[in-house]
Amino acid sequence: MPLYLDGVEQNPDTSGVDALEAAIGTITSSAATGAVTSTDVVMAYIKQLVTNQLRGLYVMDFWSDVQEEIQLDGDSAGTETMPSVTVADLPTGAVVVRAIALLKFRIVENTAAATANKLDGATVANTSQVIQIRDDTPGTYTDCINFVDDQFGIAAATREGGDVIIGSIDIAGSGKVDANDTYNFQWLLGLADEDYLQFNDVQTGIRIWYSLE
């Protein structure tokens, strides 16, 4: 059907389409069912575009439900169970290239009435004062968020607004974050200076970069 603009028939340039059809055949649904060969320059180029598209990186965040409180003791280090994250929306064929853990809390509170509070000690890898993750088969816990000594410093009997802590450890790979699954978190042997350092309305998260090839 001709295209009209202000009553005048338009004749757009179709030379580009004609040239493409001359190279790969008439553009119809039936033409698309034939074998694609890399000997055809045009089809090889199209295949390269599709391949490069699949190789692109995509990113998705997944979050746990809220846990009301995590409380760190000031007398002895204790391991605190944290909310789990379910990864359920990665597309078929997705390959996890990189993943990091996230920690979010609405409030941090020092319940010590007369003494300032903070973390007592930095992360000791795979040992203490570290958040860890595993798959729920269950797998083996691995470090995902590190802390430094004196982090979360807060005055006596004080509540402060929370934050999002972003892990720097790549937790992608076999036995770690590699597919749609449920992942468990724990705070391994967390310790504060005083009783108690509390984190309220806590969520854990996983940020995943993936490709489709």
N, C-alpha and C. Protein backbone atom coordinates (compact mmCIF):
# COMPACT_ATOMS: atom_id res chain seq x y z
N MET A 1 0.86 -1.19 0.00
CA MET A 1 0.00 0.00 0.00
C MET A 1 0.89 1.24 0.00
N PRO A 2 0.64 2.20 -0.92
CA PRO A 2 1.46 3.40 -0.97
C PRO A 2 1.33 4.22 0.32
N LEU A 3 2.39 4.94 0.67
CA LEU A 3 2.38 5.83 1.82
C LEU A 3 2.12 7.25 1.34
N TYR A 4 1.12 7.91 1.95
CA TYR A 4 0.78 9.27 1.55
C TYR A 4 1.07 10.23 2.69
N LEU A 5 1.60 11.39 2.36
CA LEU A 5 1.84 12.45 3.32
C LEU A 5 1.31 13.75 2.71
N ASP A 6 0.33 14.37 3.38
CA ASP A 6 -0.32 15.58 2.87
C ASP A 6 -0.85 15.35 1.46
N GLY A 7 -1.40 14.13 1.24
CA GLY A 7 -2.02 13.83 -0.04
C GLY A 7 -1.06 13.48 -1.15
N VAL A 8 0.24 13.49 -0.85
CA VAL A 8 1.25 13.19 -1.87
C VAL A 8 1.80 11.80 -1.63
N GLU A 9 1.82 10.96 -2.65
CA GLU A 9 2.36 9.60 -2.51
C GLU A 9 3.87 9.67 -2.29
N GLN A 10 4.34 8.93 -1.27
CA GLN A 10 5.75 8.91 -0.95
C GLN A 10 6.40 7.64 -1.53
N ASN A 11 7.62 7.77 -1.97
CA ASN A 11 8.36 6.63 -2.53
C ASN A 11 9.71 6.53 -1.83
N PRO A 12 9.74 5.92 -0.62
CA PRO A 12 10.99 5.85 0.14
C PRO A 12 12.03 5.02 -0.58
N ASP A 13 13.29 5.33 -0.31
CA ASP A 13 14.41 4.60 -0.90
C ASP A 13 14.49 3.21 -0.29
N THR A 14 14.35 2.16 -1.12
CA THR A 14 14.41 0.78 -0.63
C THR A 14 15.67 0.07 -1.12
N SER A 15 16.65 0.83 -1.56
CA SER A 15 17.83 0.20 -2.13
C SER A 15 18.58 -0.64 -1.10
N GLY A 16 18.54 -0.21 0.18
CA GLY A 16 19.22 -0.99 1.22
C GLY A 16 18.57 -2.35 1.40
N VAL A 17 17.24 -2.39 1.43
CA VAL A 17 16.52 -3.65 1.56
C VAL A 17 16.76 -4.51 0.33
N ASP A 18 16.73 -3.90 -0.85
CA ASP A 18 16.97 -4.66 -2.08
C ASP A 18 18.35 -5.29 -2.08
N ALA A 19 19.35 -4.55 -1.59
CA ALA A 19 20.71 -5.08 -1.55
C ALA A 19 20.82 -6.25 -0.57
N LEU A 20 20.12 -6.13 0.57
CA LEU A 20 20.16 -7.20 1.56
C LEU A 20 19.49 -8.45 1.01
N GLU A 21 18.34 -8.28 0.33
CA GLU A 21 17.65 -9.41 -0.26
C GLU A 21 18.50 -10.08 -1.34
N ALA A 22 19.22 -9.25 -2.09
CA ALA A 22 20.08 -9.81 -3.12
C ALA A 22 21.19 -10.68 -2.53
N ALA A 23 21.62 -10.33 -1.31
CA ALA A 23 22.71 -11.06 -0.68
C ALA A 23 22.24 -12.32 0.03
N ILE A 24 21.05 -12.27 0.69
CA ILE A 24 20.64 -13.42 1.50
C ILE A 24 19.30 -14.02 1.08
N GLY A 25 18.72 -13.48 0.00
CA GLY A 25 17.43 -14.01 -0.44
C GLY A 25 16.30 -13.13 0.05
N THR A 26 15.13 -13.37 -0.49
CA THR A 26 13.95 -12.59 -0.12
C THR A 26 13.68 -12.72 1.37
N ILE A 27 13.40 -11.62 2.00
CA ILE A 27 13.17 -11.61 3.45
C ILE A 27 11.74 -12.05 3.72
N THR A 28 11.56 -13.33 3.97
CA THR A 28 10.26 -13.90 4.33
C THR A 28 10.47 -14.85 5.48
N SER A 29 9.37 -15.28 6.09
CA SER A 29 9.49 -16.22 7.19
C SER A 29 10.10 -17.54 6.73
N SER A 30 9.78 -17.97 5.50
CA SER A 30 10.33 -19.23 5.00
C SER A 30 11.82 -19.13 4.74
N ALA A 31 12.28 -17.94 4.33
CA ALA A 31 13.72 -17.79 4.07
C ALA A 31 14.52 -17.94 5.35
N ALA A 32 13.89 -17.64 6.50
CA ALA A 32 14.62 -17.68 7.76
C ALA A 32 14.81 -19.09 8.29
N THR A 33 14.18 -20.07 7.68
CA THR A 33 14.27 -21.44 8.19
C THR A 33 15.46 -22.21 7.63
N GLY A 34 16.12 -21.67 6.64
CA GLY A 34 17.24 -22.39 6.03
C GLY A 34 18.48 -22.35 6.91
N ALA A 35 19.47 -23.16 6.53
CA ALA A 35 20.73 -23.21 7.28
C ALA A 35 21.48 -21.90 7.13
N VAL A 36 22.10 -21.47 8.23
CA VAL A 36 22.91 -20.25 8.21
C VAL A 36 24.36 -20.64 8.02
N THR A 37 25.00 -20.10 7.02
CA THR A 37 26.40 -20.45 6.75
C THR A 37 27.28 -19.23 6.93
N SER A 38 28.46 -19.47 7.46
CA SER A 38 29.40 -18.37 7.68
C SER A 38 30.10 -17.97 6.39
N THR A 39 29.85 -18.70 5.27
CA THR A 39 30.46 -18.32 4.00
C THR A 39 29.77 -17.11 3.40
N ASP A 40 28.55 -16.87 3.81
CA ASP A 40 27.83 -15.69 3.36
C ASP A 40 28.25 -14.52 4.24
N VAL A 41 28.83 -13.50 3.65
CA VAL A 41 29.40 -12.39 4.41
C VAL A 41 28.35 -11.71 5.26
N VAL A 42 27.17 -11.47 4.70
CA VAL A 42 26.12 -10.78 5.44
C VAL A 42 25.65 -11.62 6.62
N MET A 43 25.42 -12.93 6.38
CA MET A 43 24.96 -13.79 7.46
C MET A 43 26.04 -13.96 8.52
N ALA A 44 27.29 -14.01 8.12
CA ALA A 44 28.38 -14.10 9.10
C ALA A 44 28.40 -12.88 10.00
N TYR A 45 28.14 -11.72 9.41
CA TYR A 45 28.09 -10.49 10.20
C TYR A 45 26.93 -10.50 11.18
N ILE A 46 25.76 -10.97 10.71
CA ILE A 46 24.59 -11.05 11.59
C ILE A 46 24.86 -12.02 12.74
N LYS A 47 25.47 -13.16 12.43
CA LYS A 47 25.81 -14.13 13.47
C LYS A 47 26.76 -13.51 14.50
N GLN A 48 27.70 -12.70 14.03
CA GLN A 48 28.64 -12.06 14.95
C GLN A 48 27.93 -11.08 15.87
N LEU A 49 26.96 -10.33 15.32
CA LEU A 49 26.19 -9.40 16.14
C LEU A 49 25.43 -10.14 17.23
N VAL A 50 24.78 -11.25 16.86
CA VAL A 50 24.02 -12.04 17.83
C VAL A 50 24.94 -12.61 18.90
N THR A 51 26.08 -13.15 18.49
CA THR A 51 27.04 -13.72 19.43
C THR A 51 27.54 -12.68 20.42
N ASN A 52 27.88 -11.50 19.91
CA ASN A 52 28.36 -10.44 20.80
C ASN A 52 27.28 -9.99 21.77
N GLN A 53 26.01 -9.99 21.31
CA GLN A 53 24.91 -9.64 22.20
C GLN A 53 24.81 -10.63 23.35
N LEU A 54 24.94 -11.93 23.04
CA LEU A 54 24.85 -12.95 24.08
C LEU A 54 26.01 -12.84 25.06
N ARG A 55 27.16 -12.37 24.58
CA ARG A 55 28.33 -12.26 25.45
C ARG A 55 28.26 -11.06 26.38
N GLY A 56 27.31 -10.16 26.16
CA GLY A 56 27.18 -8.99 27.02
C GLY A 56 26.86 -9.39 28.45
N LEU A 57 27.26 -8.55 29.40
CA LEU A 57 27.00 -8.81 30.82
C LEU A 57 25.71 -8.13 31.25
N TYR A 58 24.92 -8.86 32.02
CA TYR A 58 23.67 -8.36 32.58
C TYR A 58 23.79 -8.45 34.10
N VAL A 59 23.06 -7.59 34.81
CA VAL A 59 23.17 -7.57 36.27
C VAL A 59 21.78 -7.63 36.89
N MET A 60 21.66 -8.41 37.97
CA MET A 60 20.42 -8.51 38.73
C MET A 60 20.75 -8.54 40.21
N ASP A 61 19.88 -7.93 41.02
CA ASP A 61 19.99 -7.98 42.48
C ASP A 61 18.88 -8.86 43.05
N PHE A 62 19.23 -9.64 44.07
CA PHE A 62 18.26 -10.49 44.75
C PHE A 62 18.39 -10.21 46.25
N TRP A 63 17.23 -10.09 46.95
CA TRP A 63 17.23 -9.72 48.36
C TRP A 63 16.45 -10.73 49.19
N SER A 64 16.85 -10.83 50.45
CA SER A 64 16.15 -11.69 51.41
C SER A 64 14.92 -10.98 51.94
N ASP A 65 14.11 -11.72 52.70
CA ASP A 65 13.11 -11.09 53.55
C ASP A 65 13.82 -10.38 54.70
N VAL A 66 13.08 -9.57 55.43
CA VAL A 66 13.67 -8.80 56.53
C VAL A 66 13.76 -9.66 57.79
N GLN A 67 14.91 -9.58 58.46
CA GLN A 67 15.08 -10.17 59.79
C GLN A 67 15.08 -9.02 60.80
N GLU A 68 14.29 -9.15 61.85
CA GLU A 68 14.07 -8.00 62.75
C GLU A 68 15.34 -7.54 63.44
N GLU A 69 16.22 -8.47 63.83
CA GLU A 69 17.38 -8.03 64.63
C GLU A 69 18.53 -9.02 64.54
N ILE A 70 19.75 -8.47 64.54
CA ILE A 70 20.97 -9.23 64.77
C ILE A 70 21.71 -8.53 65.90
N GLN A 71 22.06 -9.27 66.93
CA GLN A 71 22.66 -8.70 68.13
C GLN A 71 24.04 -9.29 68.37
N LEU A 72 25.05 -8.41 68.46
CA LEU A 72 26.42 -8.85 68.74
C LEU A 72 26.72 -8.66 70.22
N ASP A 73 27.21 -9.72 70.84
CA ASP A 73 27.55 -9.74 72.26
C ASP A 73 28.87 -9.01 72.49
N GLY A 74 29.03 -8.45 73.69
CA GLY A 74 30.28 -7.81 74.05
C GLY A 74 31.16 -8.67 74.94
N ASP A 75 30.67 -9.84 75.34
CA ASP A 75 31.43 -10.72 76.23
C ASP A 75 32.12 -11.85 75.49
N SER A 76 31.43 -12.45 74.52
CA SER A 76 32.01 -13.56 73.78
C SER A 76 31.49 -13.56 72.37
N ALA A 77 32.35 -13.96 71.42
CA ALA A 77 31.97 -13.98 70.01
C ALA A 77 30.92 -15.05 69.77
N GLY A 78 29.93 -14.72 68.97
CA GLY A 78 28.88 -15.68 68.65
C GLY A 78 28.55 -15.65 67.17
N THR A 79 28.12 -16.79 66.64
CA THR A 79 27.74 -16.87 65.22
C THR A 79 26.25 -16.62 65.08
N GLU A 80 25.90 -15.63 64.29
CA GLU A 80 24.51 -15.21 64.13
C GLU A 80 23.96 -15.66 62.78
N THR A 81 22.81 -16.32 62.81
CA THR A 81 22.14 -16.71 61.58
C THR A 81 21.49 -15.49 60.95
N MET A 82 21.63 -15.36 59.64
CA MET A 82 21.09 -14.21 58.91
C MET A 82 20.07 -14.70 57.87
N PRO A 83 19.26 -13.80 57.33
CA PRO A 83 18.23 -14.24 56.38
C PRO A 83 18.84 -14.77 55.08
N SER A 84 18.17 -15.74 54.49
CA SER A 84 18.63 -16.37 53.24
C SER A 84 18.10 -15.60 52.04
N VAL A 85 18.81 -15.76 50.93
CA VAL A 85 18.43 -15.14 49.66
C VAL A 85 18.12 -16.22 48.65
N THR A 86 16.99 -16.09 47.97
CA THR A 86 16.63 -17.03 46.90
C THR A 86 16.87 -16.36 45.55
N VAL A 87 17.72 -16.96 44.75
CA VAL A 87 17.96 -16.52 43.38
C VAL A 87 17.09 -17.40 42.48
N ALA A 88 16.11 -16.80 41.80
CA ALA A 88 15.13 -17.61 41.09
C ALA A 88 14.85 -17.13 39.67
N ASP A 89 15.44 -16.04 39.23
CA ASP A 89 15.04 -15.45 37.95
C ASP A 89 16.15 -15.37 36.92
N LEU A 90 17.26 -16.07 37.13
CA LEU A 90 18.27 -16.11 36.09
C LEU A 90 17.73 -16.88 34.90
N PRO A 91 17.91 -16.38 33.68
CA PRO A 91 17.36 -17.07 32.51
C PRO A 91 18.09 -18.38 32.22
N THR A 92 17.43 -19.26 31.50
CA THR A 92 18.04 -20.53 31.09
C THR A 92 19.32 -20.25 30.31
N GLY A 93 20.38 -20.97 30.66
CA GLY A 93 21.66 -20.79 29.99
C GLY A 93 22.53 -19.70 30.56
N ALA A 94 22.06 -19.00 31.60
CA ALA A 94 22.87 -17.92 32.19
C ALA A 94 24.13 -18.48 32.84
N VAL A 95 25.24 -17.80 32.62
CA VAL A 95 26.51 -18.16 33.24
C VAL A 95 26.89 -17.04 34.20
N VAL A 96 26.99 -17.35 35.48
CA VAL A 96 27.34 -16.33 36.48
C VAL A 96 28.82 -15.99 36.35
N VAL A 97 29.11 -14.73 36.04
CA VAL A 97 30.48 -14.28 35.81
C VAL A 97 31.08 -13.69 37.08
N ARG A 98 30.27 -12.97 37.82
CA ARG A 98 30.73 -12.35 39.09
C ARG A 98 29.52 -12.20 40.00
N ALA A 99 29.76 -12.29 41.30
CA ALA A 99 28.69 -12.07 42.28
C ALA A 99 29.31 -11.48 43.54
N ILE A 100 28.58 -10.58 44.20
CA ILE A 100 29.01 -10.02 45.48
C ILE A 100 27.84 -10.04 46.44
N ALA A 101 28.15 -10.02 47.72
CA ALA A 101 27.12 -10.01 48.76
C ALA A 101 26.84 -8.58 49.22
N LEU A 102 25.61 -8.37 49.70
CA LEU A 102 25.17 -7.07 50.19
C LEU A 102 24.53 -7.26 51.57
N LEU A 103 24.70 -6.27 52.43
CA LEU A 103 24.09 -6.27 53.75
C LEU A 103 23.42 -4.93 53.96
N LYS A 104 22.14 -4.95 54.31
CA LYS A 104 21.38 -3.73 54.53
C LYS A 104 20.72 -3.78 55.90
N PHE A 105 20.77 -2.67 56.63
CA PHE A 105 20.08 -2.60 57.93
C PHE A 105 19.52 -1.19 58.11
N ARG A 106 18.35 -1.12 58.72
CA ARG A 106 17.66 0.17 58.89
C ARG A 106 18.25 0.99 60.02
N ILE A 107 18.63 0.34 61.12
CA ILE A 107 19.11 1.01 62.32
C ILE A 107 20.29 0.22 62.89
N VAL A 108 21.31 0.93 63.41
CA VAL A 108 22.30 0.31 64.27
C VAL A 108 22.17 0.97 65.64
N GLU A 109 22.19 0.14 66.70
CA GLU A 109 21.91 0.65 68.05
C GLU A 109 22.94 0.13 69.04
N ASN A 110 23.40 1.03 69.90
CA ASN A 110 24.25 0.67 71.03
C ASN A 110 23.38 0.68 72.29
N THR A 111 23.16 -0.50 72.87
CA THR A 111 22.31 -0.56 74.05
C THR A 111 23.08 -0.34 75.35
N ALA A 112 24.43 -0.22 75.28
CA ALA A 112 25.21 0.09 76.47
C ALA A 112 24.88 1.52 76.92
N ALA A 113 24.46 1.66 78.16
CA ALA A 113 23.92 2.95 78.62
C ALA A 113 24.97 4.03 78.82
N ALA A 114 26.23 3.62 79.10
CA ALA A 114 27.22 4.63 79.48
C ALA A 114 28.52 4.54 78.69
N THR A 115 28.62 3.63 77.72
CA THR A 115 29.88 3.39 77.03
C THR A 115 29.68 3.34 75.53
N ALA A 116 30.58 3.99 74.80
CA ALA A 116 30.55 3.89 73.34
C ALA A 116 30.78 2.44 72.92
N ASN A 117 30.38 2.12 71.69
CA ASN A 117 30.46 0.73 71.23
C ASN A 117 30.92 0.67 69.78
N LYS A 118 31.42 -0.52 69.37
CA LYS A 118 31.88 -0.73 68.00
C LYS A 118 32.27 -2.19 67.86
N LEU A 119 32.67 -2.60 66.65
CA LEU A 119 33.15 -3.97 66.48
C LEU A 119 34.46 -4.16 67.21
N ASP A 120 34.61 -5.32 67.81
CA ASP A 120 35.85 -5.67 68.51
C ASP A 120 36.63 -6.64 67.63
N GLY A 121 37.54 -6.11 66.84
CA GLY A 121 38.37 -6.95 65.98
C GLY A 121 37.95 -6.92 64.52
N ALA A 122 38.94 -7.07 63.64
CA ALA A 122 38.70 -7.11 62.21
C ALA A 122 38.46 -8.55 61.76
N THR A 123 38.10 -8.71 60.51
CA THR A 123 37.90 -10.05 59.94
C THR A 123 39.19 -10.84 59.98
N VAL A 124 39.08 -12.09 60.43
CA VAL A 124 40.13 -13.09 60.25
C VAL A 124 39.57 -14.08 59.24
N ALA A 125 40.17 -14.14 58.06
CA ALA A 125 39.60 -14.90 56.95
C ALA A 125 39.20 -16.31 57.35
N ASN A 126 37.96 -16.67 57.00
CA ASN A 126 37.41 -18.00 57.26
C ASN A 126 37.37 -18.39 58.74
N THR A 127 37.51 -17.38 59.62
CA THR A 127 37.63 -17.68 61.04
C THR A 127 36.66 -16.89 61.90
N SER A 128 36.62 -15.56 61.74
CA SER A 128 35.79 -14.76 62.64
C SER A 128 35.53 -13.37 62.09
N GLN A 129 34.54 -12.72 62.70
CA GLN A 129 34.13 -11.34 62.37
C GLN A 129 33.99 -11.16 60.85
N VAL A 130 33.22 -12.05 60.25
CA VAL A 130 33.05 -12.04 58.81
C VAL A 130 31.67 -12.59 58.47
N ILE A 131 31.05 -12.05 57.45
CA ILE A 131 29.81 -12.62 56.95
C ILE A 131 30.15 -13.66 55.89
N GLN A 132 29.46 -14.79 55.95
CA GLN A 132 29.72 -15.89 55.04
C GLN A 132 28.44 -16.32 54.32
N ILE A 133 28.63 -17.01 53.20
CA ILE A 133 27.52 -17.48 52.38
C ILE A 133 27.77 -18.92 51.96
N ARG A 134 26.69 -19.68 51.75
CA ARG A 134 26.77 -21.03 51.20
C ARG A 134 25.46 -21.31 50.46
N ASP A 135 25.46 -22.32 49.58
CA ASP A 135 24.18 -22.74 49.03
C ASP A 135 23.53 -23.68 50.03
N ASP A 136 22.22 -23.89 49.87
CA ASP A 136 21.45 -24.56 50.93
C ASP A 136 21.39 -26.08 50.78
N THR A 137 22.34 -26.68 50.06
CA THR A 137 22.27 -28.13 49.89
C THR A 137 22.50 -28.97 51.15
N PRO A 138 23.30 -28.63 52.18
CA PRO A 138 24.05 -27.38 52.31
C PRO A 138 25.47 -27.51 51.75
N GLY A 139 26.00 -26.39 51.31
CA GLY A 139 27.39 -26.35 50.88
C GLY A 139 28.29 -25.90 52.02
N THR A 140 29.51 -25.51 51.66
CA THR A 140 30.49 -25.03 52.63
C THR A 140 30.46 -23.51 52.66
N TYR A 141 30.42 -22.94 53.86
CA TYR A 141 30.42 -21.49 53.98
C TYR A 141 31.73 -20.90 53.45
N THR A 142 31.59 -19.75 52.76
CA THR A 142 32.75 -19.01 52.27
C THR A 142 32.57 -17.54 52.61
N ASP A 143 33.67 -16.83 52.88
CA ASP A 143 33.61 -15.41 53.25
C ASP A 143 33.01 -14.59 52.12
N CYS A 144 32.17 -13.60 52.47
CA CYS A 144 31.62 -12.72 51.43
C CYS A 144 31.65 -11.23 51.80
N ILE A 145 31.65 -10.87 53.09
CA ILE A 145 31.78 -9.47 53.51
C ILE A 145 32.75 -9.41 54.69
N ASN A 146 33.80 -8.61 54.53
CA ASN A 146 34.80 -8.42 55.59
C ASN A 146 34.51 -7.16 56.39
N PHE A 147 35.03 -7.13 57.63
CA PHE A 147 34.91 -5.96 58.50
C PHE A 147 36.29 -5.54 58.98
N VAL A 148 36.37 -4.28 59.44
CA VAL A 148 37.61 -3.78 60.04
C VAL A 148 37.38 -3.52 61.52
N ASP A 149 38.44 -3.55 62.30
CA ASP A 149 38.35 -3.28 63.73
C ASP A 149 37.79 -1.87 63.96
N ASP A 150 36.91 -1.75 64.95
CA ASP A 150 36.29 -0.48 65.34
C ASP A 150 35.24 0.03 64.36
N GLN A 151 34.81 -0.82 63.42
CA GLN A 151 33.74 -0.42 62.50
C GLN A 151 32.43 -0.25 63.27
N PHE A 152 31.55 0.58 62.75
CA PHE A 152 30.24 0.89 63.34
C PHE A 152 30.37 1.59 64.69
N GLY A 153 31.38 2.43 64.86
CA GLY A 153 31.54 3.18 66.10
C GLY A 153 30.31 4.03 66.41
N ILE A 154 29.81 3.94 67.65
CA ILE A 154 28.56 4.61 68.00
C ILE A 154 28.57 4.98 69.48
N ALA A 155 28.04 6.16 69.80
CA ALA A 155 28.06 6.65 71.17
C ALA A 155 27.13 5.83 72.06
N ALA A 156 27.29 6.01 73.39
CA ALA A 156 26.48 5.28 74.37
C ALA A 156 24.99 5.57 74.17
N ALA A 157 24.18 4.51 74.35
CA ALA A 157 22.72 4.63 74.32
C ALA A 157 22.22 5.42 73.11
N THR A 158 22.71 5.02 71.95
CA THR A 158 22.42 5.77 70.72
C THR A 158 21.91 4.84 69.63
N ARG A 159 20.97 5.38 68.83
CA ARG A 159 20.50 4.70 67.62
C ARG A 159 20.83 5.58 66.42
N GLU A 160 21.38 4.98 65.37
CA GLU A 160 21.71 5.72 64.16
C GLU A 160 21.11 5.02 62.94
N GLY A 161 20.89 5.81 61.90
CA GLY A 161 20.38 5.25 60.65
C GLY A 161 21.35 4.26 60.05
N GLY A 162 20.81 3.28 59.34
CA GLY A 162 21.62 2.20 58.80
C GLY A 162 22.28 2.53 57.48
N ASP A 163 22.72 1.47 56.79
CA ASP A 163 23.52 1.63 55.59
C ASP A 163 23.40 0.35 54.77
N VAL A 164 24.00 0.37 53.59
CA VAL A 164 24.18 -0.84 52.79
C VAL A 164 25.67 -1.11 52.71
N ILE A 165 26.08 -2.27 53.17
CA ILE A 165 27.47 -2.69 53.12
C ILE A 165 27.65 -3.57 51.89
N ILE A 166 28.60 -3.22 51.03
CA ILE A 166 28.82 -3.92 49.76
C ILE A 166 30.09 -4.73 49.86
N GLY A 167 29.97 -6.05 49.69
CA GLY A 167 31.13 -6.91 49.75
C GLY A 167 32.04 -6.72 48.55
N SER A 168 33.33 -6.96 48.76
CA SER A 168 34.31 -6.83 47.69
C SER A 168 34.82 -8.19 47.20
N ILE A 169 34.33 -9.27 47.80
CA ILE A 169 34.81 -10.61 47.46
C ILE A 169 33.93 -11.19 46.36
N ASP A 170 34.56 -11.69 45.29
CA ASP A 170 33.82 -12.34 44.22
C ASP A 170 33.39 -13.73 44.70
N ILE A 171 32.09 -13.95 44.79
CA ILE A 171 31.58 -15.22 45.32
C ILE A 171 30.90 -16.04 44.22
N ALA A 172 31.25 -15.75 42.96
CA ALA A 172 30.73 -16.56 41.86
C ALA A 172 31.55 -17.84 41.73
N GLY A 173 30.92 -18.87 41.23
CA GLY A 173 31.65 -20.10 40.91
C GLY A 173 31.06 -21.33 41.53
N SER A 174 31.57 -22.46 41.12
CA SER A 174 31.10 -23.76 41.60
C SER A 174 31.24 -23.85 43.11
N GLY A 175 30.16 -24.30 43.75
CA GLY A 175 30.16 -24.40 45.20
C GLY A 175 29.84 -23.10 45.89
N LYS A 176 29.73 -22.03 45.12
CA LYS A 176 29.35 -20.74 45.69
C LYS A 176 28.08 -20.28 44.97
N VAL A 177 28.07 -19.06 44.42
CA VAL A 177 26.89 -18.58 43.71
C VAL A 177 27.07 -18.88 42.22
N ASP A 178 26.31 -19.82 41.70
CA ASP A 178 26.51 -20.23 40.31
C ASP A 178 25.21 -20.49 39.54
N ALA A 179 24.04 -20.33 40.19
CA ALA A 179 22.79 -20.67 39.51
C ALA A 179 21.61 -20.25 40.37
N ASN A 180 20.42 -20.43 39.84
CA ASN A 180 19.21 -20.25 40.65
C ASN A 180 19.24 -21.22 41.82
N ASP A 181 19.11 -20.71 43.03
CA ASP A 181 19.21 -21.54 44.23
C ASP A 181 18.88 -20.66 45.43
N THR A 182 18.83 -21.27 46.61
CA THR A 182 18.72 -20.52 47.86
C THR A 182 20.08 -20.51 48.53
N TYR A 183 20.47 -19.33 49.04
CA TYR A 183 21.78 -19.15 49.63
C TYR A 183 21.64 -18.67 51.08
N ASN A 184 22.33 -19.37 51.99
CA ASN A 184 22.29 -19.05 53.42
C ASN A 184 23.42 -18.10 53.78
N PHE A 185 23.16 -17.24 54.79
CA PHE A 185 24.16 -16.30 55.29
C PHE A 185 24.34 -16.50 56.80
N GLN A 186 25.55 -16.24 57.28
CA GLN A 186 25.80 -16.19 58.72
C GLN A 186 26.88 -15.14 59.01
N TRP A 187 26.79 -14.56 60.23
CA TRP A 187 27.85 -13.67 60.73
C TRP A 187 28.69 -14.54 61.66
N LEU A 188 29.90 -14.88 61.22
CA LEU A 188 30.74 -15.84 61.95
C LEU A 188 31.49 -15.14 63.08
N LEU A 189 31.21 -15.58 64.30
CA LEU A 189 31.91 -15.12 65.52
C LEU A 189 32.04 -13.60 65.56
N GLY A 190 30.87 -12.93 65.43
CA GLY A 190 30.85 -11.48 65.58
C GLY A 190 31.01 -11.07 67.03
N LEU A 191 31.71 -9.99 67.27
CA LEU A 191 32.00 -9.53 68.64
C LEU A 191 32.01 -8.01 68.68
N ALA A 192 31.36 -7.43 69.71
CA ALA A 192 31.37 -5.99 69.94
C ALA A 192 32.17 -5.68 71.20
N ASP A 193 32.45 -4.39 71.40
CA ASP A 193 33.15 -3.99 72.62
C ASP A 193 32.26 -4.15 73.84
N GLU A 194 30.97 -3.84 73.68
CA GLU A 194 30.05 -3.81 74.82
C GLU A 194 28.75 -4.56 74.46
N ASP A 195 28.01 -4.95 75.48
CA ASP A 195 26.66 -5.47 75.29
C ASP A 195 25.69 -4.30 75.15
N TYR A 196 24.95 -4.19 74.10
CA TYR A 196 24.99 -4.96 72.87
C TYR A 196 25.08 -3.99 71.71
N LEU A 197 25.64 -4.49 70.60
CA LEU A 197 25.59 -3.76 69.34
C LEU A 197 24.54 -4.45 68.47
N GLN A 198 23.45 -3.73 68.16
CA GLN A 198 22.31 -4.34 67.50
C GLN A 198 22.07 -3.73 66.11
N PHE A 199 21.71 -4.60 65.18
CA PHE A 199 21.34 -4.19 63.83
C PHE A 199 19.87 -4.57 63.63
N ASN A 200 19.06 -3.59 63.28
CA ASN A 200 17.62 -3.82 63.16
C ASN A 200 17.14 -3.78 61.71
N ASP A 201 16.12 -4.61 61.43
CA ASP A 201 15.52 -4.70 60.09
C ASP A 201 16.59 -4.98 59.05
N VAL A 202 17.17 -6.16 59.18
CA VAL A 202 18.33 -6.56 58.39
C VAL A 202 17.88 -7.33 57.14
N GLN A 203 18.52 -7.04 56.01
CA GLN A 203 18.37 -7.83 54.79
C GLN A 203 19.74 -8.18 54.23
N THR A 204 19.86 -9.37 53.66
CA THR A 204 21.05 -9.73 52.90
C THR A 204 20.68 -9.74 51.43
N GLY A 205 21.68 -9.55 50.58
CA GLY A 205 21.42 -9.52 49.15
C GLY A 205 22.59 -10.09 48.36
N ILE A 206 22.32 -10.42 47.11
CA ILE A 206 23.35 -10.89 46.19
C ILE A 206 23.19 -10.12 44.88
N ARG A 207 24.27 -9.51 44.42
CA ARG A 207 24.30 -8.86 43.10
C ARG A 207 25.06 -9.77 42.15
N ILE A 208 24.42 -10.11 41.03
CA ILE A 208 24.97 -11.09 40.10
C ILE A 208 25.14 -10.46 38.73
N TRP A 209 26.33 -10.65 38.15
CA TRP A 209 26.59 -10.31 36.75
C TRP A 209 26.63 -11.64 35.98
N TYR A 210 25.88 -11.72 34.88
CA TYR A 210 25.84 -12.97 34.14
C TYR A 210 25.84 -12.71 32.63
N SER A 211 26.24 -13.73 31.89
CA SER A 211 26.15 -13.68 30.43
C SER A 211 25.27 -14.84 29.97
N LEU A 212 24.93 -14.84 28.69
CA LEU A 212 24.10 -15.90 28.14
C LEU A 212 24.90 -16.83 27.23
N GLU A 213 26.22 -16.81 27.39
CA GLU A 213 27.07 -17.73 26.63
C GLU A 213 28.21 -18.20 27.50
